[in-house]
Amino acid sequence: MTPQRTSQNDPPLTHVTLVWRQGVQEDWLRFGKPVAERIIDRRSRIESYAPGQVFALVRWASNAYGTQRSQLVIVRAVGHGDAFSTLPQVDPGGEILLSARGWPKVRAAFGLIDAIEQSGFDPCDVAPEHWRHMHNRLTVGMPVRPYDQRRHRAWCLRRRLSS
């Protein structure tokens, strides 16, 4: 599947479909800076991201017996030719940096994102390696190294060298 383009010169965009049906299915973005948004109807919209942008998608669903799904996925939008994983509601897909399933792990991930924000960093600008580190540590129940100024500076320098 090839990422969609709006015109020949524009980069391919990653589209995220968000649905909100109170108490049944509630999807939202924990963080992210979309480059475009299209409202479909009162309950659904599509937000679009340029290649390289990072966003956090939260998906929650329930039925008559309680919560059916709690999931948080931190994703990097992909460009043409990049490897990606398919994800529900993300077209064409993205590079998964962190995936948490089940309310205890989702709640722990929310706490780690809050800690990053309290340290003065925008989660959209955090090094992808740190999100992967968080994913691995959350998966096995180990403590996560804090994201600090030294690590962020190294990421900014690497990013500047590669561009």
C-alpha atoms as a PDB file:
ATOM      1  CA  MET A   1       0.000   0.000   0.000  1.00  0.00           C
ATOM      2  CA  THR A   2       1.439   3.373  -1.000  1.00  0.00           C
ATOM      3  CA  PRO A   3       0.985   6.457   1.223  1.00  0.00           C
ATOM      4  CA  GLN A   4      -1.450   8.945  -0.308  1.00  0.00           C
ATOM      5  CA  ARG A   5      -0.330  12.260  -1.769  1.00  0.00           C
ATOM      6  CA  THR A   6      -2.434  15.388  -2.078  1.00  0.00           C
ATOM      7  CA  SER A   7      -0.519  16.581  -5.148  1.00  0.00           C
ATOM      8  CA  GLN A   8       2.536  15.450  -7.094  1.00  0.00           C
ATOM      9  CA  ASN A   9       4.993  17.634  -5.104  1.00  0.00           C
ATOM     10  CA  ASP A  10       3.536  17.065  -1.624  1.00  0.00           C
ATOM     11  CA  PRO A  11       4.978  14.366   0.651  1.00  0.00           C
ATOM     12  CA  PRO A  12       2.786  11.316   1.311  1.00  0.00           C
ATOM     13  CA  LEU A  13       0.600  11.723   4.381  1.00  0.00           C
ATOM     14  CA  THR A  14      -0.365   9.229   7.063  1.00  0.00           C
ATOM     15  CA  HIS A  15      -4.090   9.462   7.833  1.00  0.00           C
ATOM     16  CA  VAL A  16      -5.522   8.576  11.252  1.00  0.00           C
ATOM     17  CA  THR A  17      -9.258   7.969  11.549  1.00  0.00           C
ATOM     18  CA  LEU A  18     -10.667   8.853  14.964  1.00  0.00           C
ATOM     19  CA  VAL A  19     -14.124   7.675  16.048  1.00  0.00           C
ATOM     20  CA  TRP A  20     -15.996   8.823  19.163  1.00  0.00           C
ATOM     21  CA  ARG A  21     -19.143   6.939  20.177  1.00  0.00           C
ATOM     22  CA  GLN A  22     -19.576   7.794  23.860  1.00  0.00           C
ATOM     23  CA  GLY A  23     -19.118   4.724  26.041  1.00  0.00           C
ATOM     24  CA  VAL A  24     -18.731   2.353  23.080  1.00  0.00           C
ATOM     25  CA  GLN A  25     -15.663   3.371  21.058  1.00  0.00           C
ATOM     26  CA  GLU A  26     -13.493   6.331  21.963  1.00  0.00           C
ATOM     27  CA  ASP A  27     -10.351   7.082  19.946  1.00  0.00           C
ATOM     28  CA  TRP A  28      -8.212  10.127  20.588  1.00  0.00           C
ATOM     29  CA  LEU A  29      -4.688  11.452  20.209  1.00  0.00           C
ATOM     30  CA  ARG A  30      -2.658  11.794  23.407  1.00  0.00           C
ATOM     31  CA  PHE A  31      -0.213  13.996  21.495  1.00  0.00           C
ATOM     32  CA  GLY A  32       0.581  14.902  17.924  1.00  0.00           C
ATOM     33  CA  LYS A  33       0.606  17.889  15.578  1.00  0.00           C
ATOM     34  CA  PRO A  34      -1.448  17.032  12.502  1.00  0.00           C
ATOM     35  CA  VAL A  35      -0.808  18.963   9.289  1.00  0.00           C
ATOM     36  CA  ALA A  36      -4.438  18.548   8.199  1.00  0.00           C
ATOM     37  CA  GLU A  37      -7.796  17.570   9.653  1.00  0.00           C
ATOM     38  CA  ARG A  38     -10.999  16.527   7.919  1.00  0.00           C
ATOM     39  CA  ILE A  39     -14.239  16.193   9.855  1.00  0.00           C
ATOM     40  CA  ILE A  40     -16.386  13.387   8.461  1.00  0.00           C
ATOM     41  CA  ASP A  41     -19.377  13.746  10.784  1.00  0.00           C
ATOM     42  CA  ARG A  42     -20.124  14.443  14.460  1.00  0.00           C
ATOM     43  CA  ARG A  43     -18.459  11.221  15.524  1.00  0.00           C
ATOM     44  CA  SER A  44     -15.493  10.815  13.226  1.00  0.00           C
ATOM     45  CA  ARG A  45     -12.630  12.770  11.754  1.00  0.00           C
ATOM     46  CA  ILE A  46      -9.371  12.111   9.917  1.00  0.00           C
ATOM     47  CA  GLU A  47      -6.103  13.729  10.970  1.00  0.00           C
ATOM     48  CA  SER A  48      -3.086  13.655   8.670  1.00  0.00           C
ATOM     49  CA  TYR A  49       0.628  13.614   9.478  1.00  0.00           C
ATOM     50  CA  ALA A  50       3.699  14.327   7.358  1.00  0.00           C
ATOM     51  CA  PRO A  51       6.531  11.767   7.182  1.00  0.00           C
ATOM     52  CA  GLY A  52       8.623  11.709  10.343  1.00  0.00           C
ATOM     53  CA  GLN A  53       5.974  13.192  12.631  1.00  0.00           C
ATOM     54  CA  VAL A  54       5.252  11.288  15.833  1.00  0.00           C
ATOM     55  CA  PHE A  55       1.810  10.908  17.417  1.00  0.00           C
ATOM     56  CA  ALA A  56       0.139   8.820  20.123  1.00  0.00           C
ATOM     57  CA  LEU A  57      -3.154   7.118  19.293  1.00  0.00           C
ATOM     58  CA  VAL A  58      -5.371   5.896  22.116  1.00  0.00           C
ATOM     59  CA  ARG A  59      -8.064   3.359  21.278  1.00  0.00           C
ATOM     60  CA  TRP A  60     -10.693   2.325  23.820  1.00  0.00           C
ATOM     61  CA  ALA A  61     -13.799   0.202  23.335  1.00  0.00           C
ATOM     62  CA  SER A  62     -16.358  -1.432  25.581  1.00  0.00           C
ATOM     63  CA  ASN A  63     -19.443  -3.590  25.393  1.00  0.00           C
ATOM     64  CA  ALA A  64     -22.222  -4.562  27.816  1.00  0.00           C
ATOM     65  CA  TYR A  65     -19.702  -6.437  29.993  1.00  0.00           C
ATOM     66  CA  GLY A  66     -17.122  -3.659  30.385  1.00  0.00           C
ATOM     67  CA  THR A  67     -13.907  -2.562  28.716  1.00  0.00           C
ATOM     68  CA  GLN A  68     -13.119  -4.636  25.681  1.00  0.00           C
ATOM     69  CA  ARG A  69      -9.945  -2.840  24.514  1.00  0.00           C
ATOM     70  CA  SER A  70      -7.485  -0.306  25.933  1.00  0.00           C
ATOM     71  CA  GLN A  71      -4.543   0.471  23.685  1.00  0.00           C
ATOM     72  CA  LEU A  72      -1.945   3.206  23.301  1.00  0.00           C
ATOM     73  CA  VAL A  73       0.315   3.235  20.239  1.00  0.00           C
ATOM     74  CA  ILE A  74       3.057   5.782  19.600  1.00  0.00           C
ATOM     75  CA  VAL A  75       3.676   5.922  15.869  1.00  0.00           C
ATOM     76  CA  ARG A  76       6.055   7.688  13.482  1.00  0.00           C
ATOM     77  CA  ALA A  77       4.410   8.636  10.183  1.00  0.00           C
ATOM     78  CA  VAL A  78       6.221   7.102   7.220  1.00  0.00           C
ATOM     79  CA  GLY A  79       7.342   8.458   3.877  1.00  0.00           C
ATOM     80  CA  HIS A  80       7.517   6.860   0.468  1.00  0.00           C
ATOM     81  CA  GLY A  81       9.737   3.778   0.563  1.00  0.00           C
ATOM     82  CA  ASP A  82       9.897   3.560   4.378  1.00  0.00           C
ATOM     83  CA  ALA A  83       9.159   0.254   6.052  1.00  0.00           C
ATOM     84  CA  PHE A  84       5.961   0.313   8.109  1.00  0.00           C
ATOM     85  CA  SER A  85       3.519  -1.822  10.045  1.00  0.00           C
ATOM     86  CA  THR A  86      -0.186  -1.785   9.338  1.00  0.00           C
ATOM     87  CA  LEU A  87      -2.395  -0.514  12.136  1.00  0.00           C
ATOM     88  CA  PRO A  88      -6.162  -0.280  12.423  1.00  0.00           C
ATOM     89  CA  GLN A  89      -7.375   3.239  11.615  1.00  0.00           C
ATOM     90  CA  VAL A  90      -3.918   4.349  10.388  1.00  0.00           C
ATOM     91  CA  ASP A  91      -3.556   4.589   6.607  1.00  0.00           C
ATOM     92  CA  PRO A  92      -1.212   3.293   5.261  1.00  0.00           C
ATOM     93  CA  GLY A  93       0.362   2.420   8.623  1.00  0.00           C
ATOM     94  CA  GLY A  94       3.415   3.633  10.489  1.00  0.00           C
ATOM     95  CA  GLU A  95       6.554   2.790  12.379  1.00  0.00           C
ATOM     96  CA  ILE A  96       5.414   1.573  15.792  1.00  0.00           C
ATOM     97  CA  LEU A  97       7.638   3.041  18.489  1.00  0.00           C
ATOM     98  CA  LEU A  98       5.620   1.976  21.536  1.00  0.00           C
ATOM     99  CA  SER A  99       2.582  -0.243  21.940  1.00  0.00           C
ATOM    100  CA  ALA A 100       0.764  -0.763  25.223  1.00  0.00           C
ATOM    101  CA  ARG A 101      -2.282  -2.999  25.566  1.00  0.00           C
ATOM    102  CA  GLY A 102      -4.470  -3.390  28.624  1.00  0.00           C
ATOM    103  CA  TRP A 103      -5.361  -0.638  31.051  1.00  0.00           C
ATOM    104  CA  PRO A 104      -2.458  -1.171  33.547  1.00  0.00           C
ATOM    105  CA  LYS A 105       0.187  -0.765  30.810  1.00  0.00           C
ATOM    106  CA  VAL A 106      -1.687   2.081  29.098  1.00  0.00           C
ATOM    107  CA  ARG A 107      -1.932   3.904  32.441  1.00  0.00           C
ATOM    108  CA  ALA A 108       1.810   3.368  33.017  1.00  0.00           C
ATOM    109  CA  ALA A 109       2.566   4.749  29.532  1.00  0.00           C
ATOM    110  CA  PHE A 110       0.390   7.812  30.258  1.00  0.00           C
ATOM    111  CA  GLY A 111       2.452   8.393  33.415  1.00  0.00           C
ATOM    112  CA  LEU A 112       5.705   8.208  31.454  1.00  0.00           C
ATOM    113  CA  ILE A 113       4.393  10.650  28.835  1.00  0.00           C
ATOM    114  CA  ASP A 114       3.306  12.998  31.639  1.00  0.00           C
ATOM    115  CA  ALA A 115       6.822  12.793  33.137  1.00  0.00           C
ATOM    116  CA  ILE A 116       8.358  13.738  29.778  1.00  0.00           C
ATOM    117  CA  GLU A 117       6.020  16.747  29.516  1.00  0.00           C
ATOM    118  CA  GLN A 118       6.761  17.788  33.110  1.00  0.00           C
ATOM    119  CA  SER A 119      10.475  17.717  32.260  1.00  0.00           C
ATOM    120  CA  GLY A 120       9.787  20.386  29.639  1.00  0.00           C
ATOM    121  CA  PHE A 121       9.926  18.246  26.489  1.00  0.00           C
ATOM    122  CA  ASP A 122       7.289  18.043  23.781  1.00  0.00           C
ATOM    123  CA  PRO A 123       6.520  14.323  23.313  1.00  0.00           C
ATOM    124  CA  CYS A 124       6.398  14.900  19.530  1.00  0.00           C
ATOM    125  CA  ASP A 125      10.118  15.793  19.629  1.00  0.00           C
ATOM    126  CA  VAL A 126      11.385  12.933  21.818  1.00  0.00           C
ATOM    127  CA  ALA A 127      13.955  10.587  20.271  1.00  0.00           C
ATOM    128  CA  PRO A 128      12.339   7.515  18.685  1.00  0.00           C
ATOM    129  CA  GLU A 129      14.906   5.336  20.490  1.00  0.00           C
ATOM    130  CA  HIS A 130      13.518   6.514  23.819  1.00  0.00           C
ATOM    131  CA  TRP A 131       9.975   5.459  22.863  1.00  0.00           C
ATOM    132  CA  ARG A 132      11.357   2.024  21.888  1.00  0.00           C
ATOM    133  CA  HIS A 133      13.236   1.854  25.194  1.00  0.00           C
ATOM    134  CA  MET A 134       9.983   2.680  27.022  1.00  0.00           C
ATOM    135  CA  HIS A 135       8.129  -0.011  25.066  1.00  0.00           C
ATOM    136  CA  ASN A 136      10.706  -2.667  25.935  1.00  0.00           C
ATOM    137  CA  ARG A 137      10.819  -1.749  29.613  1.00  0.00           C
ATOM    138  CA  LEU A 138       7.008  -1.548  29.930  1.00  0.00           C
ATOM    139  CA  THR A 139       6.684  -4.942  28.264  1.00  0.00           C
ATOM    140  CA  VAL A 140       8.855  -6.672  30.870  1.00  0.00           C
ATOM    141  CA  GLY A 141       7.852  -4.515  33.847  1.00  0.00           C
ATOM    142  CA  MET A 142      11.219  -2.848  34.387  1.00  0.00           C
ATOM    143  CA  PRO A 143      11.797   0.801  35.304  1.00  0.00           C
ATOM    144  CA  VAL A 144      12.306   3.251  32.453  1.00  0.00           C
ATOM    145  CA  ARG A 145      15.313   5.575  32.214  1.00  0.00           C
ATOM    146  CA  PRO A 146      14.185   9.203  32.364  1.00  0.00           C
ATOM    147  CA  TYR A 147      14.413  11.333  29.241  1.00  0.00           C
ATOM    148  CA  ASP A 148      16.833  14.137  30.033  1.00  0.00           C
ATOM    149  CA  GLN A 149      18.439  17.147  28.392  1.00  0.00           C
ATOM    150  CA  ARG A 150      21.618  15.232  27.503  1.00  0.00           C
ATOM    151  CA  ARG A 151      19.693  12.510  25.665  1.00  0.00           C
ATOM    152  CA  HIS A 152      17.501  15.085  23.904  1.00  0.00           C
ATOM    153  CA  ARG A 153      20.519  17.135  22.795  1.00  0.00           C
ATOM    154  CA  ALA A 154      22.160  14.011  21.326  1.00  0.00           C
ATOM    155  CA  TRP A 155      18.949  13.234  19.426  1.00  0.00           C
ATOM    156  CA  CYS A 156      18.721  16.796  18.063  1.00  0.00           C
ATOM    157  CA  LEU A 157      22.361  16.637  16.872  1.00  0.00           C
ATOM    158  CA  ARG A 158      21.815  13.257  15.157  1.00  0.00           C
ATOM    159  CA  ARG A 159      18.681  14.570  13.475  1.00  0.00           C
ATOM    160  CA  ARG A 160      20.498  17.671  12.264  1.00  0.00           C
ATOM    161  CA  LEU A 161      23.334  15.548  10.811  1.00  0.00           C
ATOM    162  CA  SER A 162      20.965  13.315   8.888  1.00  0.00           C
ATOM    163  CA  SER A 163      19.027  16.178   7.273  1.00  0.00           C
END
